[in-house]
Amino acid sequence: PGAFDAAPSTGGAPAVHPVIPGSIPSSSTALSICPSTDSSTGAKPRPRHAPDPTNGRPALQKCDGYLWSAWRVFVSQCKMIGSRGVGSATQPAETSSVTLQYKWLDSDFATAAQIAPADVAAIAAAGFRSIVNNRPDHEGGPAQPTSEAIEREAQAAGLAYTYLPVKSAMQSPAEIEAMETLLERLPKPVLGFCRSGTRTANLFYRARAKSDAR
């Protein structure tokens, strides 16, 4: 089932034409839900699209306004749902979710869960210029993509790549200092990742606190 246009005809049932999904019915052919007769008098109303004497164009009845208002609300809601949750490197959102998920910690650094080599193209397309890998190789078993495989794709995409593996439970002072240096020197914006993104976020905040304390 779908929406239809009822085109005026010379007799019998009106000609019915399917509306292509995504298109907006023309005002002169929109399907009417107006009653064919006046329930109080039994009289038939004037022709639905009788020309307006002021400009010769088809005049819309009141129910047309209802249909157009409903259609405009529907289209507006679809656009809002489609744009919700989409982030970019220049206009950070809390979470971006298309094929790649990441969360901004500040305007220059975002964190993500484990990425795959195939994700690097989307990372570059999102505007990132650097990747920091904080997950040790083989931590998740043989299915985990290796740092070497991700680095190869990063280089092909023209992104800076750094492998700084840290343990999940704690980060040493040396690792925090190394992260501080990366935040200062890497081209921005930067995407850091680990298994879930939490380890990278903790490392980022500790490195930032150390930098702010100087």
C-alpha atoms as a PDB file:
ATOM      1  CA  PRO A   1       0.000   0.000   0.000  1.00  0.00           C
ATOM      2  CA  GLY A   2       1.150   3.502  -0.708  1.00  0.00           C
ATOM      3  CA  ALA A   3       0.018   7.029  -1.423  1.00  0.00           C
ATOM      4  CA  PHE A   4      -1.862   7.753  -4.632  1.00  0.00           C
ATOM      5  CA  ASP A   5      -2.811  10.760  -6.720  1.00  0.00           C
ATOM      6  CA  ALA A   6      -6.344  10.990  -7.967  1.00  0.00           C
ATOM      7  CA  ALA A   7      -6.351  12.820 -11.286  1.00  0.00           C
ATOM      8  CA  PRO A   8      -9.638  14.308 -12.516  1.00  0.00           C
ATOM      9  CA  SER A   9     -11.313  12.256 -15.244  1.00  0.00           C
ATOM     10  CA  THR A  10     -14.272  12.786 -17.548  1.00  0.00           C
ATOM     11  CA  GLY A  11     -16.403  10.082 -16.002  1.00  0.00           C
ATOM     12  CA  GLY A  12     -16.447   7.027 -13.802  1.00  0.00           C
ATOM     13  CA  ALA A  13     -13.730   6.430 -11.211  1.00  0.00           C
ATOM     14  CA  PRO A  14     -10.825   8.879 -11.186  1.00  0.00           C
ATOM     15  CA  ALA A  15      -7.560   7.830 -12.769  1.00  0.00           C
ATOM     16  CA  VAL A  16      -5.184   6.683 -10.047  1.00  0.00           C
ATOM     17  CA  HIS A  17      -1.419   7.144 -10.300  1.00  0.00           C
ATOM     18  CA  PRO A  18       1.061   5.833  -7.690  1.00  0.00           C
ATOM     19  CA  VAL A  19       3.271   8.442  -6.038  1.00  0.00           C
ATOM     20  CA  ILE A  20       6.977   7.618  -6.223  1.00  0.00           C
ATOM     21  CA  PRO A  21       8.392   7.219  -2.661  1.00  0.00           C
ATOM     22  CA  GLY A  22      10.165  10.384  -1.560  1.00  0.00           C
ATOM     23  CA  SER A  23       8.271  12.597  -3.983  1.00  0.00           C
ATOM     24  CA  ILE A  24       5.788  15.265  -2.932  1.00  0.00           C
ATOM     25  CA  PRO A  25       2.298  15.023  -4.473  1.00  0.00           C
ATOM     26  CA  SER A  26       1.370  18.037  -6.564  1.00  0.00           C
ATOM     27  CA  SER A  27      -1.206  20.332  -5.016  1.00  0.00           C
ATOM     28  CA  SER A  28      -3.514  19.862  -8.002  1.00  0.00           C
ATOM     29  CA  THR A  29      -3.651  16.050  -7.760  1.00  0.00           C
ATOM     30  CA  ALA A  30      -3.304  15.233  -4.045  1.00  0.00           C
ATOM     31  CA  LEU A  31      -5.719  12.534  -2.911  1.00  0.00           C
ATOM     32  CA  SER A  32      -8.632  14.153  -1.055  1.00  0.00           C
ATOM     33  CA  ILE A  33     -10.305  12.914   2.093  1.00  0.00           C
ATOM     34  CA  CYS A  34     -13.085  15.479   1.686  1.00  0.00           C
ATOM     35  CA  PRO A  35     -16.631  14.039   1.727  1.00  0.00           C
ATOM     36  CA  SER A  36     -18.348  13.882  -1.664  1.00  0.00           C
ATOM     37  CA  THR A  37     -21.552  15.356  -0.229  1.00  0.00           C
ATOM     38  CA  ASP A  38     -22.520  17.692   2.599  1.00  0.00           C
ATOM     39  CA  SER A  39     -23.893  15.448   5.350  1.00  0.00           C
ATOM     40  CA  SER A  40     -26.234  18.175   6.624  1.00  0.00           C
ATOM     41  CA  THR A  41     -27.812  19.249   3.324  1.00  0.00           C
ATOM     42  CA  GLY A  42     -27.027  16.400   0.976  1.00  0.00           C
ATOM     43  CA  ALA A  43     -25.718  18.918  -1.559  1.00  0.00           C
ATOM     44  CA  LYS A  44     -22.577  18.266  -3.488  1.00  0.00           C
ATOM     45  CA  PRO A  45     -19.746  20.763  -2.808  1.00  0.00           C
ATOM     46  CA  ARG A  46     -18.195  22.867  -5.527  1.00  0.00           C
ATOM     47  CA  PRO A  47     -15.623  21.071  -7.737  1.00  0.00           C
ATOM     48  CA  ARG A  48     -12.600  20.290  -5.592  1.00  0.00           C
ATOM     49  CA  HIS A  49     -10.115  22.092  -7.810  1.00  0.00           C
ATOM     50  CA  ALA A  50     -12.309  24.785  -9.350  1.00  0.00           C
ATOM     51  CA  PRO A  51     -10.108  27.604 -10.715  1.00  0.00           C
ATOM     52  CA  ASP A  52      -9.531  30.573  -8.467  1.00  0.00           C
ATOM     53  CA  PRO A  53     -11.130  33.549 -10.291  1.00  0.00           C
ATOM     54  CA  THR A  54      -8.251  35.818  -9.223  1.00  0.00           C
ATOM     55  CA  ASN A  55      -5.436  33.874 -10.896  1.00  0.00           C
ATOM     56  CA  GLY A  56      -6.977  30.953 -12.780  1.00  0.00           C
ATOM     57  CA  ARG A  57      -5.067  28.380 -10.714  1.00  0.00           C
ATOM     58  CA  PRO A  58      -6.763  25.412  -9.009  1.00  0.00           C
ATOM     59  CA  ALA A  59      -8.080  26.484  -5.608  1.00  0.00           C
ATOM     60  CA  LEU A  60      -7.327  24.190  -2.662  1.00  0.00           C
ATOM     61  CA  GLN A  61     -10.053  23.204  -0.235  1.00  0.00           C
ATOM     62  CA  LYS A  62      -9.513  23.184   3.503  1.00  0.00           C
ATOM     63  CA  CYS A  63      -8.681  19.479   3.621  1.00  0.00           C
ATOM     64  CA  ASP A  64      -5.789  20.062   1.219  1.00  0.00           C
ATOM     65  CA  GLY A  65      -4.201  22.263   3.867  1.00  0.00           C
ATOM     66  CA  TYR A  66      -4.448  19.420   6.363  1.00  0.00           C
ATOM     67  CA  LEU A  67      -2.776  17.004   3.939  1.00  0.00           C
ATOM     68  CA  TRP A  68       0.036  19.410   3.159  1.00  0.00           C
ATOM     69  CA  SER A  69       0.604  20.181   6.849  1.00  0.00           C
ATOM     70  CA  ALA A  70       0.818  16.465   7.672  1.00  0.00           C
ATOM     71  CA  TRP A  71       3.176  15.847   4.756  1.00  0.00           C
ATOM     72  CA  ARG A  72       5.492  18.708   5.775  1.00  0.00           C
ATOM     73  CA  VAL A  73       5.636  17.455   9.389  1.00  0.00           C
ATOM     74  CA  PHE A  74       6.424  13.942   8.132  1.00  0.00           C
ATOM     75  CA  VAL A  75       9.266  15.159   5.886  1.00  0.00           C
ATOM     76  CA  SER A  76      10.646  17.359   8.691  1.00  0.00           C
ATOM     77  CA  GLN A  77      10.689  14.425  11.131  1.00  0.00           C
ATOM     78  CA  CYS A  78      12.472  12.205   8.597  1.00  0.00           C
ATOM     79  CA  LYS A  79      15.185  14.813   8.082  1.00  0.00           C
ATOM     80  CA  MET A  80      15.644  15.251  11.831  1.00  0.00           C
ATOM     81  CA  ILE A  81      15.923  11.492  12.435  1.00  0.00           C
ATOM     82  CA  GLY A  82      18.393  11.162   9.568  1.00  0.00           C
ATOM     83  CA  SER A  83      20.700  13.855  10.927  1.00  0.00           C
ATOM     84  CA  ARG A  84      20.552  12.892  14.612  1.00  0.00           C
ATOM     85  CA  GLY A  85      23.748  11.458  16.061  1.00  0.00           C
ATOM     86  CA  VAL A  86      25.955  12.238  13.078  1.00  0.00           C
ATOM     87  CA  GLY A  87      29.269  13.839  13.968  1.00  0.00           C
ATOM     88  CA  SER A  88      32.161  15.279  12.002  1.00  0.00           C
ATOM     89  CA  ALA A  89      35.683  16.443  12.680  1.00  0.00           C
ATOM     90  CA  THR A  90      34.771  20.101  12.208  1.00  0.00           C
ATOM     91  CA  GLN A  91      31.465  20.032  14.099  1.00  0.00           C
ATOM     92  CA  PRO A  92      31.851  17.509  16.936  1.00  0.00           C
ATOM     93  CA  ALA A  93      28.792  15.667  18.195  1.00  0.00           C
ATOM     94  CA  GLU A  94      28.725  13.479  21.269  1.00  0.00           C
ATOM     95  CA  THR A  95      28.486  10.334  19.220  1.00  0.00           C
ATOM     96  CA  SER A  96      28.716   9.603  15.556  1.00  0.00           C
ATOM     97  CA  SER A  97      27.170   6.454  14.246  1.00  0.00           C
ATOM     98  CA  VAL A  98      27.033   5.487  10.640  1.00  0.00           C
ATOM     99  CA  THR A  99      29.469   2.609  10.192  1.00  0.00           C
ATOM    100  CA  LEU A 100      32.089   4.003  12.560  1.00  0.00           C
ATOM    101  CA  GLN A 101      31.312   5.003  16.157  1.00  0.00           C
ATOM    102  CA  TYR A 102      33.380   7.582  18.019  1.00  0.00           C
ATOM    103  CA  LYS A 103      32.995  10.033  20.877  1.00  0.00           C
ATOM    104  CA  TRP A 104      34.594  13.473  21.140  1.00  0.00           C
ATOM    105  CA  LEU A 105      36.513  14.238  24.347  1.00  0.00           C
ATOM    106  CA  ASP A 106      37.393  17.754  23.200  1.00  0.00           C
ATOM    107  CA  SER A 107      37.456  19.612  19.901  1.00  0.00           C
ATOM    108  CA  ASP A 108      40.669  17.878  18.744  1.00  0.00           C
ATOM    109  CA  PHE A 109      40.445  14.354  20.144  1.00  0.00           C
ATOM    110  CA  ALA A 110      37.889  11.570  19.875  1.00  0.00           C
ATOM    111  CA  THR A 111      37.906   8.010  21.170  1.00  0.00           C
ATOM    112  CA  ALA A 112      36.528   4.808  19.701  1.00  0.00           C
ATOM    113  CA  ALA A 113      36.348   1.094  20.304  1.00  0.00           C
ATOM    114  CA  GLN A 114      38.530  -1.339  18.327  1.00  0.00           C
ATOM    115  CA  ILE A 115      38.670  -0.363  14.667  1.00  0.00           C
ATOM    116  CA  ALA A 116      39.424  -2.529  11.655  1.00  0.00           C
ATOM    117  CA  PRO A 117      41.671  -1.742   8.702  1.00  0.00           C
ATOM    118  CA  ALA A 118      38.529  -1.280   6.599  1.00  0.00           C
ATOM    119  CA  ASP A 119      37.415   1.540   8.929  1.00  0.00           C
ATOM    120  CA  VAL A 120      40.398   3.755   8.110  1.00  0.00           C
ATOM    121  CA  ALA A 121      38.815   5.137   4.938  1.00  0.00           C
ATOM    122  CA  ALA A 122      35.768   6.282   6.946  1.00  0.00           C
ATOM    123  CA  ILE A 123      38.069   7.800   9.587  1.00  0.00           C
ATOM    124  CA  ALA A 124      39.867   9.830   6.930  1.00  0.00           C
ATOM    125  CA  ALA A 125      36.552  10.822   5.324  1.00  0.00           C
ATOM    126  CA  ALA A 126      35.335  12.087   8.725  1.00  0.00           C
ATOM    127  CA  GLY A 127      38.227  14.556   8.745  1.00  0.00           C
ATOM    128  CA  PHE A 128      40.639  12.901  11.188  1.00  0.00           C
ATOM    129  CA  ARG A 129      44.336  13.381  10.478  1.00  0.00           C
ATOM    130  CA  SER A 130      45.870  11.011  13.043  1.00  0.00           C
ATOM    131  CA  ILE A 131      45.173   7.655  14.718  1.00  0.00           C
ATOM    132  CA  VAL A 132      46.496   6.479  18.096  1.00  0.00           C
ATOM    133  CA  ASN A 133      46.237   2.765  18.895  1.00  0.00           C
ATOM    134  CA  ASN A 134      46.250   2.064  22.657  1.00  0.00           C
ATOM    135  CA  ARG A 135      45.353  -1.636  22.493  1.00  0.00           C
ATOM    136  CA  PRO A 136      48.134  -4.245  22.647  1.00  0.00           C
ATOM    137  CA  ASP A 137      48.221  -6.665  19.725  1.00  0.00           C
ATOM    138  CA  HIS A 138      46.583 -10.079  20.340  1.00  0.00           C
ATOM    139  CA  GLU A 139      44.836  -8.874  23.501  1.00  0.00           C
ATOM    140  CA  GLY A 140      41.533 -10.006  22.000  1.00  0.00           C
ATOM    141  CA  GLY A 141      42.849 -13.127  20.329  1.00  0.00           C
ATOM    142  CA  PRO A 142      43.530 -13.894  16.670  1.00  0.00           C
ATOM    143  CA  ALA A 143      40.411 -12.063  15.477  1.00  0.00           C
ATOM    144  CA  GLN A 144      41.765  -8.713  16.659  1.00  0.00           C
ATOM    145  CA  PRO A 145      43.239  -6.630  13.802  1.00  0.00           C
ATOM    146  CA  THR A 146      46.963  -6.081  14.247  1.00  0.00           C
ATOM    147  CA  SER A 147      48.568  -2.687  14.588  1.00  0.00           C
ATOM    148  CA  GLU A 148      50.601  -3.344  11.461  1.00  0.00           C
ATOM    149  CA  ALA A 149      47.486  -3.954   9.348  1.00  0.00           C
ATOM    150  CA  ILE A 150      45.815  -0.750  10.577  1.00  0.00           C
ATOM    151  CA  GLU A 151      49.001   1.273  10.140  1.00  0.00           C
ATOM    152  CA  ARG A 152      49.294   0.102   6.543  1.00  0.00           C
ATOM    153  CA  GLU A 153      45.813   1.423   5.760  1.00  0.00           C
ATOM    154  CA  ALA A 154      46.465   4.654   7.653  1.00  0.00           C
ATOM    155  CA  GLN A 155      49.580   5.354   5.621  1.00  0.00           C
ATOM    156  CA  ALA A 156      47.696   4.652   2.400  1.00  0.00           C
ATOM    157  CA  ALA A 157      45.031   7.165   3.470  1.00  0.00           C
ATOM    158  CA  GLY A 158      47.638   9.795   4.360  1.00  0.00           C
ATOM    159  CA  LEU A 159      46.994   9.668   8.128  1.00  0.00           C
ATOM    160  CA  ALA A 160      49.595   9.809  10.894  1.00  0.00           C
ATOM    161  CA  TYR A 161      49.586   6.621  12.970  1.00  0.00           C
ATOM    162  CA  THR A 162      51.065   5.826  16.409  1.00  0.00           C
ATOM    163  CA  TYR A 163      51.039   2.551  18.329  1.00  0.00           C
ATOM    164  CA  LEU A 164      51.041   3.220  22.091  1.00  0.00           C
ATOM    165  CA  PRO A 165      49.747   0.015  23.748  1.00  0.00           C
ATOM    166  CA  VAL A 166      48.719   0.285  27.400  1.00  0.00           C
ATOM    167  CA  LYS A 167      47.122  -2.135  29.861  1.00  0.00           C
ATOM    168  CA  SER A 168      43.454  -1.876  30.652  1.00  0.00           C
ATOM    169  CA  ALA A 169      43.846  -1.692  34.444  1.00  0.00           C
ATOM    170  CA  MET A 170      46.432   1.098  34.661  1.00  0.00           C
ATOM    171  CA  GLN A 171      48.661   3.451  32.718  1.00  0.00           C
ATOM    172  CA  SER A 172      52.210   4.093  33.838  1.00  0.00           C
ATOM    173  CA  PRO A 173      53.695   7.605  34.223  1.00  0.00           C
ATOM    174  CA  ALA A 174      55.837   6.931  31.146  1.00  0.00           C
ATOM    175  CA  GLU A 175      52.764   6.017  29.066  1.00  0.00           C
ATOM    176  CA  ILE A 176      50.906   9.116  30.258  1.00  0.00           C
ATOM    177  CA  GLU A 177      53.866  11.295  29.331  1.00  0.00           C
ATOM    178  CA  ALA A 178      54.095   9.641  25.916  1.00  0.00           C
ATOM    179  CA  MET A 179      50.407  10.361  25.343  1.00  0.00           C
ATOM    180  CA  GLU A 180      50.929  13.969  26.382  1.00  0.00           C
ATOM    181  CA  THR A 181      53.650  14.304  23.757  1.00  0.00           C
ATOM    182  CA  LEU A 182      51.410  12.775  21.080  1.00  0.00           C
ATOM    183  CA  LEU A 183      48.597  15.186  21.879  1.00  0.00           C
ATOM    184  CA  GLU A 184      50.977  18.073  21.364  1.00  0.00           C
ATOM    185  CA  ARG A 185      52.645  16.863  18.173  1.00  0.00           C
ATOM    186  CA  LEU A 186      50.178  14.818  16.117  1.00  0.00           C
ATOM    187  CA  PRO A 187      48.176  16.494  13.341  1.00  0.00           C
ATOM    188  CA  LYS A 188      44.669  17.216  14.574  1.00  0.00           C
ATOM    189  CA  PRO A 189      41.987  16.082  14.945  1.00  0.00           C
ATOM    190  CA  VAL A 190      43.088  12.733  16.415  1.00  0.00           C
ATOM    191  CA  LEU A 191      41.153   9.490  16.836  1.00  0.00           C
ATOM    192  CA  GLY A 192      42.400   7.216  19.626  1.00  0.00           C
ATOM    193  CA  PHE A 193      41.092   3.700  20.200  1.00  0.00           C
ATOM    194  CA  CYS A 194      41.400   0.609  22.388  1.00  0.00           C
ATOM    195  CA  ARG A 195      39.033  -2.287  23.085  1.00  0.00           C
ATOM    196  CA  SER A 196      36.072  -0.142  24.159  1.00  0.00           C
ATOM    197  CA  GLY A 197      37.434   3.420  24.133  1.00  0.00           C
ATOM    198  CA  THR A 198      37.541   3.717  27.936  1.00  0.00           C
ATOM    199  CA  ARG A 199      41.262   3.048  28.299  1.00  0.00           C
ATOM    200  CA  THR A 200      42.069   5.661  25.676  1.00  0.00           C
ATOM    201  CA  ALA A 201      39.766   8.177  27.378  1.00  0.00           C
ATOM    202  CA  ASN A 202      41.465   7.614  30.755  1.00  0.00           C
ATOM    203  CA  LEU A 203      44.880   8.022  29.176  1.00  0.00           C
ATOM    204  CA  PHE A 204      43.780  11.183  27.397  1.00  0.00           C
ATOM    205  CA  TYR A 205      42.406  12.812  30.556  1.00  0.00           C
ATOM    206  CA  ARG A 206      45.515  11.967  32.590  1.00  0.00           C
ATOM    207  CA  ALA A 207      47.792  13.314  29.875  1.00  0.00           C
ATOM    208  CA  ARG A 208      45.694  16.465  29.598  1.00  0.00           C
ATOM    209  CA  ALA A 209      45.751  16.983  33.382  1.00  0.00           C
ATOM    210  CA  LYS A 210      49.511  16.570  33.394  1.00  0.00           C
ATOM    211  CA  SER A 211      49.826  19.112  30.605  1.00  0.00           C
ATOM    212  CA  ASP A 212      47.503  21.601  32.321  1.00  0.00           C
ATOM    213  CA  ALA A 213      49.467  21.308  35.551  1.00  0.00           C
ATOM    214  CA  ARG A 214      52.675  22.486  33.921  1.00  0.00           C
END
